[in-house]
Amino acid sequence: MIEHEVEQLTLARDMLDWLGAIAMWNPVSSTANAIRELFGNPVPTGGSWIEQNAALMAVAWPVLITVIFLPLAVGKFRNLSR
């Protein structure tokens, strides 16, 4: 059953180059691949760095997004009270 589900996934390596790059570097894809790997159901990957380090990127993406957008949100909130 698990093998059947994996066959239905569209792998990034099978997409157009530009679409595959977006799919590989998407934070949700990194998190999903890390979860699959941690639960023992890895998806065959194209061998790119981002796919091989999915667990690292599942942690790095939220940290990076927070580092970028938290100061912006705090600055915007401070401007609202003026």
Foldseek 3Di string as FASTA:
>chain_A
DLVVVLVPDDALVNDPVVSSVCCLPPLVNLLVQVVCVVVPNHHDHPPDPSNVPSVVSNVVVVVVVCVPCVVVVVVVVVVVVD
